[in-house]
Amino acid sequence: MVHFRSMTFWAHSDRAGLSWDTPGSSWQPLAGHLRDVAKLARSLAECAAPQYKHFHELAERCGLLHDYGKYSDCFQRMITTGEGRCPHAIHGAVMAFHALGSPHIAAAIAGHHAGIPDLGECRDRINKSQDEAERLRDRAVVDSSEIAKLLSEPAPIIENMGRKFELLTRMLLSCLVDADRLDTAGRVVLQAPLDAEQRLRVLLAHIDQLGTSDGVVNATRREVLSDCLNAASLQERILSLSVPTGGGKTLSAMAFALRRAAMEPDRYRRIIIVIPYLSIIEQNADVYARVFGSDSILEHHSGSFVRLKVADEQHFAVQTDESERYEQMFQRPETENWDAPLIVTTSVRFFESLFSNHPSDVRRIHNIARSIVILDEVQVLPRHLLGPLLGMIDELAEDWGCSFVLSTATKPAFERPASDGTADLRWKAGKIREIVQAPAELHNRLRRVHGELQFEAEIKCFEGFDSIPGCVMWSLFSFI
């Protein structure tokens, strides 16, 4: 009979390649890793949804079982010899599904390395691995008192709620992956305070310095700013900022977000600015950098080549050491998990994180919860994807504490007419609350160009041709 109490099961080997019995080596025991990841995953879940007690418990259970498969002889032999390959994620998914009866935990654990699998495929893999996972139970419960307690108590049951099931599973995976990688890298959770009231004072002081002339444009910008500050107290979670180009949307939208966060500091923890075009991102990020300081904004987009590292609780600094530019995956800076108060990113990056099944993308979405999200140039969202995009925005607002500002100069039709049936995936009429009190008047006031289109056409045929394509339409366009 094997006495498991005399055995040490390892989760990670020494990064420098030292053997486990070398003095000063940093091998990580499996029981300690499972315990620490469970605590950290629960902490991240509590930050994402403070009132969602079942979610906290599910996240903790994810952490305890995620590396359950490392109790196998195959894995322990691999980690000590460096030879072979031994998948281990599916074993914890088996225990979550059969012992705890939780498909949410099972899907999250099964996907914490290779990505969330198709549910049908996941069930097949779970069934094939059930016997092997059960054989690890004895050594796991002896090695880890937390696992012993977990497997003796049923998990809280949450019903399959369609797409709500999907986002809940992604949130669990996000907390698990972030906790696992932070613990493995020896990094800490920042969750630096937004300090919205102080940032709002800085922003308003900056706006006051921009100009106080009585021209139409400046007067209109002051009106937009006033509307944004007043709208911060509205109860709606999805709002529209319909302001023409030149109306001051960039700073006014930020003023709205900061005022709303300052009014409810326990509800909102970060502001995410989502912009479709790199040129606009760089322009807006430069504006925010001039207001708050360049080290206060975390940019995450393909045009940002300079990588950042943490300088202190509220600031980031440019990496200057070449060795820091090529860190291991689990040591990358906060672009990996968006653990920062102010974030500027692209529409593709934002929505890809929410819909991807890849752990590196999903990792950051627990930090989207309880955010105020400014979607700039929202009219360019792809029409053929509008249904799922609007559905995701709605669910984040309803279930995960987010507020959205749909900022645009050309307000899109995101609401369906009241007479339309359920086949239209747009929101019902009245879903969006407009921030500006008189948007039509505002647009008329800032109209600076009046355009008329004149069209003249003449069909000319080349010699020897008497039909299209041998003929060319000559057109004349003129703008007045």
Protein backbone atom coordinates (compact mmCIF):
# COMPACT_ATOMS: atom_id res chain seq x y z
CA MET A 1 0.00 0.00 0.00
CA VAL A 2 1.31 3.45 -0.92
CA HIS A 3 1.38 5.95 1.96
CA PHE A 4 0.42 9.19 0.25
CA ARG A 5 1.21 11.27 3.32
CA SER A 6 4.89 10.56 2.78
CA MET A 7 4.78 11.76 -0.82
CA THR A 8 5.23 15.30 -2.09
CA PHE A 9 3.21 16.21 -5.16
CA TRP A 10 4.52 19.13 -7.20
CA ALA A 11 2.64 21.76 -9.21
CA HIS A 12 5.58 23.66 -10.76
CA SER A 13 9.29 23.11 -11.00
CA ASP A 14 12.04 25.60 -10.25
CA ARG A 15 12.28 28.29 -12.95
CA ALA A 16 16.06 28.14 -12.93
CA GLY A 17 16.00 24.40 -13.57
CA LEU A 18 17.18 23.35 -10.10
CA SER A 19 16.10 19.90 -8.92
CA TRP A 20 13.51 19.65 -6.18
CA ASP A 21 16.06 18.49 -3.58
CA THR A 22 18.54 21.31 -4.25
CA PRO A 23 18.78 23.77 -1.33
CA GLY A 24 17.18 27.09 -2.25
CA SER A 25 15.13 25.71 -5.16
CA SER A 26 11.62 27.09 -5.66
CA TRP A 27 9.52 24.04 -6.47
CA GLN A 28 5.86 24.67 -5.69
CA PRO A 29 3.89 21.96 -3.85
CA LEU A 30 0.62 21.08 -5.53
CA ALA A 31 -1.59 21.39 -2.44
CA GLY A 32 -0.28 24.89 -1.76
CA HIS A 33 -0.78 25.97 -5.37
CA LEU A 34 -4.37 24.71 -5.40
CA ARG A 35 -5.13 26.43 -2.11
CA ASP A 36 -3.58 29.75 -3.16
CA VAL A 37 -5.22 29.80 -6.60
CA ALA A 38 -8.59 29.01 -5.00
CA LYS A 39 -8.26 31.94 -2.60
CA LEU A 40 -7.10 34.28 -5.33
CA ALA A 41 -9.84 33.19 -7.76
CA ARG A 42 -12.45 33.83 -5.07
CA SER A 43 -10.93 37.25 -4.37
CA LEU A 44 -11.12 38.18 -8.06
CA ALA A 45 -14.72 36.96 -8.22
CA GLU A 46 -15.61 39.07 -5.19
CA CYS A 47 -14.12 42.13 -6.89
CA ALA A 48 -16.03 41.40 -10.11
CA ALA A 49 -19.43 40.79 -8.49
CA PRO A 50 -19.47 41.56 -4.74
CA GLN A 51 -23.12 40.52 -4.28
CA TYR A 52 -22.92 37.28 -6.29
CA LYS A 53 -22.12 34.82 -3.46
CA HIS A 54 -22.59 31.67 -5.55
CA PHE A 55 -20.17 33.02 -8.13
CA HIS A 56 -17.53 33.44 -5.41
CA GLU A 57 -17.97 29.83 -4.31
CA LEU A 58 -17.81 28.54 -7.88
CA ALA A 59 -14.60 30.46 -8.53
CA GLU A 60 -13.01 29.06 -5.38
CA ARG A 61 -13.96 25.52 -6.39
CA CYS A 62 -12.46 26.14 -9.84
CA GLY A 63 -9.17 27.02 -8.21
CA LEU A 64 -9.14 23.97 -5.95
CA LEU A 65 -9.77 21.51 -8.77
CA HIS A 66 -8.07 23.13 -11.77
CA ASP A 67 -4.80 21.16 -11.41
CA TYR A 68 -6.33 18.06 -9.81
CA GLY A 69 -4.93 16.02 -12.71
CA LYS A 70 -1.38 16.80 -11.54
CA TYR A 71 -1.81 14.15 -8.87
CA SER A 72 -1.29 11.53 -11.57
CA ASP A 73 1.91 9.48 -11.75
CA CYS A 74 2.25 10.60 -15.35
CA PHE A 75 2.45 14.28 -14.44
CA GLN A 76 4.68 13.83 -11.40
CA ARG A 77 7.10 11.79 -13.51
CA MET A 78 7.03 14.43 -16.25
CA ILE A 79 7.69 17.36 -13.91
CA THR A 80 10.62 15.64 -12.19
CA THR A 81 12.26 14.19 -15.32
CA GLY A 82 11.20 16.73 -17.93
CA GLU A 83 10.21 13.93 -20.26
CA GLY A 84 6.89 13.18 -21.92
CA ARG A 85 3.62 15.05 -22.09
CA CYS A 86 0.76 14.68 -19.65
CA PRO A 87 -2.50 16.64 -20.06
CA HIS A 88 -4.09 17.28 -16.68
CA ALA A 89 -6.96 19.78 -17.03
CA ILE A 90 -9.69 17.26 -17.86
CA HIS A 91 -9.37 15.37 -14.56
CA GLY A 92 -10.50 18.34 -12.49
CA ALA A 93 -13.34 18.88 -14.96
CA VAL A 94 -14.43 15.27 -14.33
CA MET A 95 -14.63 15.83 -10.58
CA ALA A 96 -16.48 19.11 -11.06
CA PHE A 97 -19.02 17.53 -13.38
CA HIS A 98 -19.64 14.20 -11.63
CA ALA A 99 -18.72 14.81 -7.99
CA LEU A 100 -19.96 18.38 -7.73
CA GLY A 101 -22.58 18.40 -10.49
CA SER A 102 -21.36 21.74 -11.85
CA PRO A 103 -21.07 22.13 -15.64
CA HIS A 104 -19.85 25.71 -15.15
CA ILE A 105 -16.79 24.64 -13.17
CA ALA A 106 -16.19 21.67 -15.46
CA ALA A 107 -16.13 23.83 -18.61
CA ALA A 108 -13.88 26.46 -17.01
CA ILE A 109 -11.36 23.91 -15.74
CA ALA A 110 -11.35 21.97 -19.01
CA GLY A 111 -10.53 25.20 -20.86
CA HIS A 112 -7.95 26.81 -18.58
CA HIS A 113 -5.06 25.74 -20.83
CA ALA A 114 -6.41 24.98 -24.30
CA GLY A 115 -9.56 27.13 -24.29
CA ILE A 116 -13.23 26.48 -23.61
CA PRO A 117 -14.22 23.37 -25.54
CA ASP A 118 -17.52 22.71 -27.24
CA LEU A 119 -19.86 21.38 -24.53
CA GLY A 120 -20.53 18.16 -26.43
CA GLU A 121 -16.82 17.55 -26.87
CA CYS A 122 -16.24 18.44 -23.22
CA ARG A 123 -18.77 15.85 -22.04
CA ASP A 124 -17.18 13.18 -24.21
CA ARG A 125 -13.73 13.90 -22.79
CA ILE A 126 -15.13 13.93 -19.25
CA ASN A 127 -16.80 10.55 -19.68
CA LYS A 128 -13.66 8.99 -21.17
CA SER A 129 -11.50 10.28 -18.30
CA GLN A 130 -13.87 9.53 -15.41
CA ASP A 131 -12.23 6.31 -14.21
CA GLU A 132 -8.75 7.82 -14.33
CA ALA A 133 -9.88 10.91 -12.40
CA GLU A 134 -11.56 8.80 -9.72
CA ARG A 135 -8.32 6.87 -9.15
CA LEU A 136 -6.64 10.14 -8.11
CA ARG A 137 -9.20 10.90 -5.41
CA ASP A 138 -7.45 9.06 -2.56
CA ARG A 139 -4.12 10.83 -2.94
CA ALA A 140 -5.80 14.20 -3.53
CA VAL A 141 -7.94 14.12 -0.39
CA VAL A 142 -4.97 12.97 1.71
CA ASP A 143 -2.66 15.65 0.30
CA SER A 144 -5.18 18.51 0.40
CA SER A 145 -7.64 19.00 3.24
CA GLU A 146 -9.40 21.62 1.12
CA ILE A 147 -10.10 19.10 -1.65
CA ALA A 148 -11.25 16.55 0.94
CA LYS A 149 -13.78 19.02 2.26
CA LEU A 150 -14.82 20.14 -1.22
CA LEU A 151 -15.56 16.64 -2.47
CA SER A 152 -17.68 15.93 0.59
CA GLU A 153 -19.98 18.93 -0.04
CA PRO A 154 -22.13 19.63 -3.11
CA ALA A 155 -21.49 22.80 -5.10
CA PRO A 156 -24.23 25.43 -5.37
CA ILE A 157 -26.45 24.64 -8.34
CA ILE A 158 -27.08 27.36 -10.91
CA GLU A 159 -29.49 26.60 -13.71
CA ASN A 160 -28.46 26.68 -17.35
CA MET A 161 -29.72 30.10 -18.43
CA GLY A 162 -28.87 30.14 -22.14
CA ARG A 163 -26.35 32.84 -22.95
CA LYS A 164 -26.16 33.72 -19.25
CA PHE A 165 -24.62 30.29 -18.73
CA GLU A 166 -22.01 31.15 -21.33
CA LEU A 167 -20.92 34.48 -19.85
CA LEU A 168 -20.92 33.06 -16.32
CA THR A 169 -18.62 30.27 -17.50
CA ARG A 170 -16.34 32.80 -19.19
CA MET A 171 -16.21 34.86 -16.01
CA LEU A 172 -15.25 31.76 -14.03
CA LEU A 173 -12.55 30.89 -16.54
CA SER A 174 -11.31 34.48 -16.44
CA CYS A 175 -10.93 34.44 -12.63
CA LEU A 176 -9.29 31.01 -12.76
CA VAL A 177 -6.76 31.80 -15.50
CA ASP A 178 -5.78 35.12 -13.95
CA ALA A 179 -5.42 33.60 -10.48
CA ASP A 180 -3.44 30.64 -11.82
CA ARG A 181 -1.00 32.80 -13.79
CA LEU A 182 -0.60 35.38 -11.04
CA ASP A 183 0.17 32.68 -8.49
CA THR A 184 2.56 30.89 -10.84
CA ALA A 185 4.43 34.12 -11.56
CA GLY A 186 4.42 35.25 -7.93
CA ARG A 187 2.62 38.47 -8.82
CA VAL A 188 -0.02 40.24 -6.77
CA VAL A 189 -3.45 41.61 -7.59
CA LEU A 190 -3.35 45.41 -7.90
CA GLN A 191 -6.98 46.56 -8.19
CA ALA A 192 -5.71 50.13 -7.79
CA PRO A 193 -8.48 52.56 -6.89
CA LEU A 194 -10.00 54.63 -9.67
CA ASP A 195 -10.04 57.68 -7.38
CA ALA A 196 -12.76 59.14 -9.58
CA GLU A 197 -13.44 62.27 -7.55
CA GLN A 198 -9.80 63.41 -7.68
CA ARG A 199 -9.50 62.59 -11.40
CA LEU A 200 -12.71 64.51 -12.09
CA ARG A 201 -11.30 67.62 -10.41
CA VAL A 202 -8.18 67.34 -12.55
CA LEU A 203 -10.26 66.89 -15.70
CA LEU A 204 -12.57 69.85 -15.01
CA ALA A 205 -9.57 72.06 -14.23
CA HIS A 206 -8.02 71.05 -17.55
CA ILE A 207 -11.25 71.83 -19.43
CA ASP A 208 -11.43 75.26 -17.77
CA GLN A 209 -7.98 76.06 -19.14
CA LEU A 210 -8.90 75.16 -22.72
CA GLY A 211 -10.78 78.36 -23.39
CA THR A 212 -13.70 80.45 -22.18
CA SER A 213 -14.57 82.34 -25.36
CA ASP A 214 -18.21 82.91 -26.21
CA GLY A 215 -18.09 81.35 -29.66
CA VAL A 216 -20.75 78.86 -30.74
CA VAL A 217 -18.43 75.85 -30.57
CA ASN A 218 -17.14 76.58 -27.07
CA ALA A 219 -20.63 77.36 -25.83
CA THR A 220 -21.89 74.09 -27.26
CA ARG A 221 -19.05 72.14 -25.67
CA ARG A 222 -19.87 73.64 -22.28
CA GLU A 223 -23.49 72.63 -22.79
CA VAL A 224 -22.49 69.06 -23.67
CA LEU A 225 -20.24 68.89 -20.62
CA SER A 226 -23.06 70.13 -18.40
CA ASP A 227 -25.45 67.54 -19.82
CA CYS A 228 -22.89 64.79 -19.21
CA LEU A 229 -22.29 65.82 -15.61
CA ASN A 230 -26.02 66.03 -14.93
CA ALA A 231 -26.72 62.67 -16.58
CA ALA A 232 -24.28 60.86 -14.29
CA SER A 233 -27.04 60.38 -11.73
CA LEU A 234 -29.42 58.66 -14.18
CA GLN A 235 -30.34 55.08 -13.31
CA GLU A 236 -30.06 53.71 -16.85
CA ARG A 237 -27.00 51.58 -17.59
CA ILE A 238 -26.96 52.08 -21.39
CA LEU A 239 -26.77 55.69 -22.54
CA SER A 240 -26.09 57.48 -25.80
CA LEU A 241 -23.92 60.55 -26.27
CA SER A 242 -25.03 61.88 -29.66
CA VAL A 243 -22.78 64.85 -30.38
CA PRO A 244 -21.42 66.01 -33.76
CA THR A 245 -17.72 66.15 -34.48
CA GLY A 246 -16.17 69.07 -32.60
CA GLY A 247 -18.68 68.96 -29.78
CA GLY A 248 -16.22 67.79 -27.13
CA LYS A 249 -17.28 64.14 -26.78
CA THR A 250 -13.82 62.90 -25.75
CA LEU A 251 -13.55 64.92 -22.56
CA SER A 252 -17.28 65.15 -21.80
CA ALA A 253 -17.75 61.37 -21.96
CA MET A 254 -14.87 60.96 -19.52
CA ALA A 255 -16.43 63.60 -17.26
CA PHE A 256 -19.69 61.62 -17.27
CA ALA A 257 -17.86 58.41 -16.37
CA LEU A 258 -15.82 59.97 -13.59
CA ARG A 259 -18.83 61.77 -12.10
CA ARG A 260 -20.89 58.56 -12.14
CA ALA A 261 -18.04 56.60 -10.56
CA ALA A 262 -17.49 59.31 -7.94
CA MET A 263 -21.17 59.22 -7.02
CA GLU A 264 -21.05 55.43 -6.56
CA PRO A 265 -17.43 54.57 -5.67
CA ASP A 266 -18.34 51.10 -4.40
CA ARG A 267 -20.05 50.16 -7.68
CA TYR A 268 -17.54 51.16 -10.35
CA ARG A 269 -13.83 50.38 -10.29
CA ARG A 270 -12.47 51.31 -13.73
CA ILE A 271 -13.19 53.16 -16.98
CA ILE A 272 -12.58 51.47 -20.33
CA ILE A 273 -12.48 53.56 -23.51
CA VAL A 274 -13.16 51.43 -26.59
CA ILE A 275 -12.31 52.93 -29.99
CA PRO A 276 -12.47 51.29 -33.44
CA TYR A 277 -9.59 53.05 -35.22
CA LEU A 278 -5.94 53.22 -34.22
CA SER A 279 -5.66 56.80 -35.44
CA ILE A 280 -8.47 57.88 -33.10
CA ILE A 281 -7.04 55.80 -30.25
CA GLU A 282 -3.71 57.54 -30.46
CA GLN A 283 -5.40 60.92 -30.65
CA ASN A 284 -7.72 60.29 -27.69
CA ALA A 285 -5.05 58.58 -25.61
CA ASP A 286 -2.87 61.65 -26.11
CA VAL A 287 -5.71 63.85 -24.86
CA TYR A 288 -6.17 61.73 -21.73
CA ALA A 289 -2.41 61.58 -21.18
CA ARG A 290 -2.22 65.38 -21.18
CA VAL A 291 -4.97 65.47 -18.56
CA PHE A 292 -4.03 62.62 -16.20
CA GLY A 293 -0.39 61.94 -17.10
CA SER A 294 0.97 59.45 -19.60
CA ASP A 295 1.67 56.87 -16.90
CA SER A 296 -1.97 56.77 -15.78
CA ILE A 297 -3.43 55.32 -18.99
CA LEU A 298 -3.03 51.66 -19.92
CA GLU A 299 -3.15 51.38 -23.70
CA HIS A 300 -3.78 47.94 -25.17
CA HIS A 301 -3.82 47.83 -28.95
CA SER A 302 -1.61 46.73 -31.81
CA GLY A 303 -0.26 50.25 -32.31
CA SER A 304 1.20 50.40 -28.82
CA PHE A 305 4.67 48.89 -29.12
CA VAL A 306 6.06 50.15 -25.85
CA ARG A 307 5.39 47.68 -23.08
CA LEU A 308 4.63 48.85 -19.57
CA LYS A 309 5.43 47.52 -16.13
CA VAL A 310 3.97 48.43 -12.75
CA ALA A 311 5.64 51.42 -11.13
CA ASP A 312 3.42 51.72 -8.06
CA GLU A 313 -0.22 51.24 -7.06
CA GLN A 314 -1.63 53.73 -9.56
CA HIS A 315 1.01 54.16 -12.24
CA PHE A 316 2.87 52.30 -14.96
CA ALA A 317 6.36 52.89 -16.32
CA VAL A 318 8.08 52.12 -19.62
CA GLN A 319 10.28 49.04 -19.53
CA THR A 320 13.88 49.96 -20.30
CA ASP A 321 15.68 46.72 -19.48
CA GLU A 322 15.90 44.55 -22.60
CA SER A 323 15.47 41.41 -20.53
CA GLU A 324 12.09 42.69 -19.37
CA ARG A 325 10.85 43.00 -22.94
CA TYR A 326 10.94 39.25 -23.46
CA GLU A 327 9.37 37.91 -20.31
CA GLN A 328 7.60 34.59 -20.02
CA MET A 329 3.89 34.51 -20.80
CA PHE A 330 2.88 34.51 -17.13
CA GLN A 331 5.02 37.58 -16.40
CA ARG A 332 3.62 39.97 -18.98
CA PRO A 333 2.43 43.38 -17.82
CA GLU A 334 -1.12 44.42 -17.07
CA THR A 335 -2.24 44.27 -20.70
CA GLU A 336 -2.80 40.58 -19.91
CA ASN A 337 -5.56 41.16 -17.36
CA TRP A 338 -6.51 44.85 -17.53
CA ASP A 339 -5.84 45.36 -13.84
CA ALA A 340 -5.74 49.15 -14.17
CA PRO A 341 -8.14 52.06 -13.45
CA LEU A 342 -8.09 53.68 -16.94
CA ILE A 343 -7.81 51.56 -20.10
CA VAL A 344 -7.83 52.53 -23.77
CA THR A 345 -8.30 49.68 -26.22
CA THR A 346 -9.79 48.78 -29.59
CA SER A 347 -13.27 47.51 -30.38
CA VAL A 348 -11.76 44.29 -31.73
CA ARG A 349 -9.71 43.71 -28.57
CA PHE A 350 -12.66 44.45 -26.29
CA PHE A 351 -15.24 42.23 -27.97
CA GLU A 352 -12.74 39.53 -28.89
CA SER A 353 -11.96 39.16 -25.21
CA LEU A 354 -15.65 38.66 -24.46
CA PHE A 355 -16.34 36.16 -27.23
CA SER A 356 -13.02 34.32 -27.54
CA ASN A 357 -12.47 30.87 -26.06
CA HIS A 358 -8.72 31.41 -25.68
CA PRO A 359 -7.54 31.71 -22.05
CA SER A 360 -5.22 34.66 -22.76
CA ASP A 361 -8.15 36.65 -24.16
CA VAL A 362 -10.74 35.53 -21.62
CA ARG A 363 -8.34 36.19 -18.75
CA ARG A 364 -9.14 39.90 -18.62
CA ILE A 365 -12.95 39.87 -18.76
CA HIS A 366 -13.49 39.58 -14.99
CA ASN A 367 -11.95 43.05 -14.86
CA ILE A 368 -14.56 44.34 -17.32
CA ALA A 369 -17.24 43.71 -14.71
CA ARG A 370 -18.17 46.85 -12.74
CA SER A 371 -16.65 49.13 -15.38
CA ILE A 372 -17.95 52.19 -17.16
CA VAL A 373 -17.33 51.49 -20.83
CA ILE A 374 -17.22 54.33 -23.38
CA LEU A 375 -17.83 52.89 -26.85
CA ASP A 376 -16.60 55.60 -29.22
CA GLU A 377 -17.72 55.76 -32.88
CA VAL A 378 -20.24 53.09 -31.99
CA GLN A 379 -21.97 53.40 -35.37
CA VAL A 380 -19.20 51.32 -37.00
CA LEU A 381 -20.03 48.12 -35.13
CA PRO A 382 -20.51 45.45 -37.83
CA ARG A 383 -24.18 45.06 -38.69
CA HIS A 384 -24.00 41.30 -39.25
CA LEU A 385 -22.70 40.87 -35.68
CA LEU A 386 -25.00 43.39 -34.06
CA GLY A 387 -27.27 40.82 -32.40
CA PRO A 388 -24.62 39.09 -30.26
CA LEU A 389 -22.75 42.36 -29.61
CA LEU A 390 -25.84 44.10 -28.27
CA GLY A 391 -26.75 40.98 -26.32
CA MET A 392 -23.34 40.98 -24.64
CA ILE A 393 -23.58 44.69 -23.80
CA ASP A 394 -27.02 44.13 -22.32
CA GLU A 395 -25.89 41.22 -20.17
CA LEU A 396 -22.82 43.04 -18.88
CA ALA A 397 -25.04 45.96 -17.90
CA GLU A 398 -27.79 43.85 -16.32
CA ASP A 399 -25.76 41.16 -14.55
CA TRP A 400 -22.19 42.37 -14.16
CA GLY A 401 -22.49 45.98 -13.01
CA CYS A 402 -21.34 47.77 -16.17
CA SER A 403 -22.54 51.07 -17.61
CA PHE A 404 -22.12 51.88 -21.30
CA VAL A 405 -21.84 55.21 -23.09
CA LEU A 406 -22.54 54.88 -26.83
CA SER A 407 -20.63 57.86 -28.18
CA THR A 408 -21.26 58.87 -31.77
CA ALA A 409 -21.83 61.74 -34.16
CA THR A 410 -24.11 59.51 -36.26
CA LYS A 411 -26.55 57.74 -33.99
CA PRO A 412 -27.11 54.14 -35.18
CA ALA A 413 -30.45 52.32 -35.08
CA PHE A 414 -29.76 49.96 -32.18
CA GLU A 415 -33.43 49.92 -31.16
CA ARG A 416 -36.11 48.14 -33.15
CA PRO A 417 -39.51 49.72 -33.79
CA ALA A 418 -42.17 48.71 -31.31
CA SER A 419 -44.12 46.98 -34.09
CA ASP A 420 -41.26 44.64 -35.05
CA GLY A 421 -41.31 41.01 -33.95
CA THR A 422 -38.74 39.08 -31.96
CA ALA A 423 -36.71 38.16 -35.07
CA ASP A 424 -35.08 41.58 -34.85
CA LEU A 425 -32.16 41.16 -32.42
CA ARG A 426 -31.86 44.87 -31.71
CA TRP A 427 -32.97 46.25 -28.36
CA LYS A 428 -36.57 47.19 -27.68
CA ALA A 429 -37.47 50.83 -28.18
CA GLY A 430 -36.59 52.93 -25.12
CA LYS A 431 -33.58 50.84 -24.06
CA ILE A 432 -31.08 53.66 -24.63
CA ARG A 433 -31.21 56.90 -22.63
CA GLU A 434 -29.86 59.96 -24.43
CA ILE A 435 -27.45 62.11 -22.41
CA VAL A 436 -27.76 65.31 -24.45
CA GLN A 437 -31.02 67.11 -23.79
CA ALA A 438 -31.53 68.51 -27.30
CA PRO A 439 -29.40 66.47 -29.77
CA ALA A 440 -31.21 67.69 -32.93
CA GLU A 441 -30.72 71.32 -32.00
CA LEU A 442 -27.11 70.59 -31.13
CA HIS A 443 -26.44 69.09 -34.57
CA ASN A 444 -28.03 72.07 -36.32
CA ARG A 445 -25.98 74.49 -34.30
CA LEU A 446 -22.68 72.80 -35.17
CA ARG A 447 -23.47 72.32 -38.86
CA ARG A 448 -20.69 74.13 -40.66
CA VAL A 449 -21.02 72.82 -44.21
CA HIS A 450 -24.09 72.52 -46.41
CA GLY A 451 -23.67 70.01 -49.22
CA GLU A 452 -25.66 69.55 -52.41
CA LEU A 453 -24.97 66.73 -54.82
CA GLN A 454 -25.36 67.36 -58.54
CA PHE A 455 -25.14 64.47 -60.95
CA GLU A 456 -24.70 64.52 -64.69
CA ALA A 457 -24.09 61.39 -66.72
CA GLU A 458 -23.45 60.61 -70.35
CA ILE A 459 -23.01 57.22 -71.95
CA LYS A 460 -20.12 57.11 -74.42
CA CYS A 461 -19.17 54.06 -76.44
CA PHE A 462 -15.79 53.32 -77.86
CA GLU A 463 -15.52 52.75 -81.56
CA GLY A 464 -16.53 49.23 -82.44
CA PHE A 465 -18.66 48.73 -79.30
CA ASP A 466 -22.35 49.34 -78.98
CA SER A 467 -23.06 47.91 -75.52
CA ILE A 468 -21.69 47.71 -71.98
CA PRO A 469 -18.90 46.93 -71.11
CA GLY A 470 -17.68 48.59 -74.29
CA CYS A 471 -19.41 51.75 -73.05
CA VAL A 472 -18.37 53.97 -70.19
CA MET A 473 -20.55 56.19 -68.02
CA TRP A 474 -18.91 59.57 -67.60
CA SER A 475 -19.99 61.23 -64.39
CA LEU A 476 -19.57 64.68 -62.93
CA PHE A 477 -20.01 65.30 -59.24
CA SER A 478 -19.84 68.73 -57.67
CA PHE A 479 -20.30 69.86 -54.07
CA ILE A 480 -21.61 73.27 -53.24
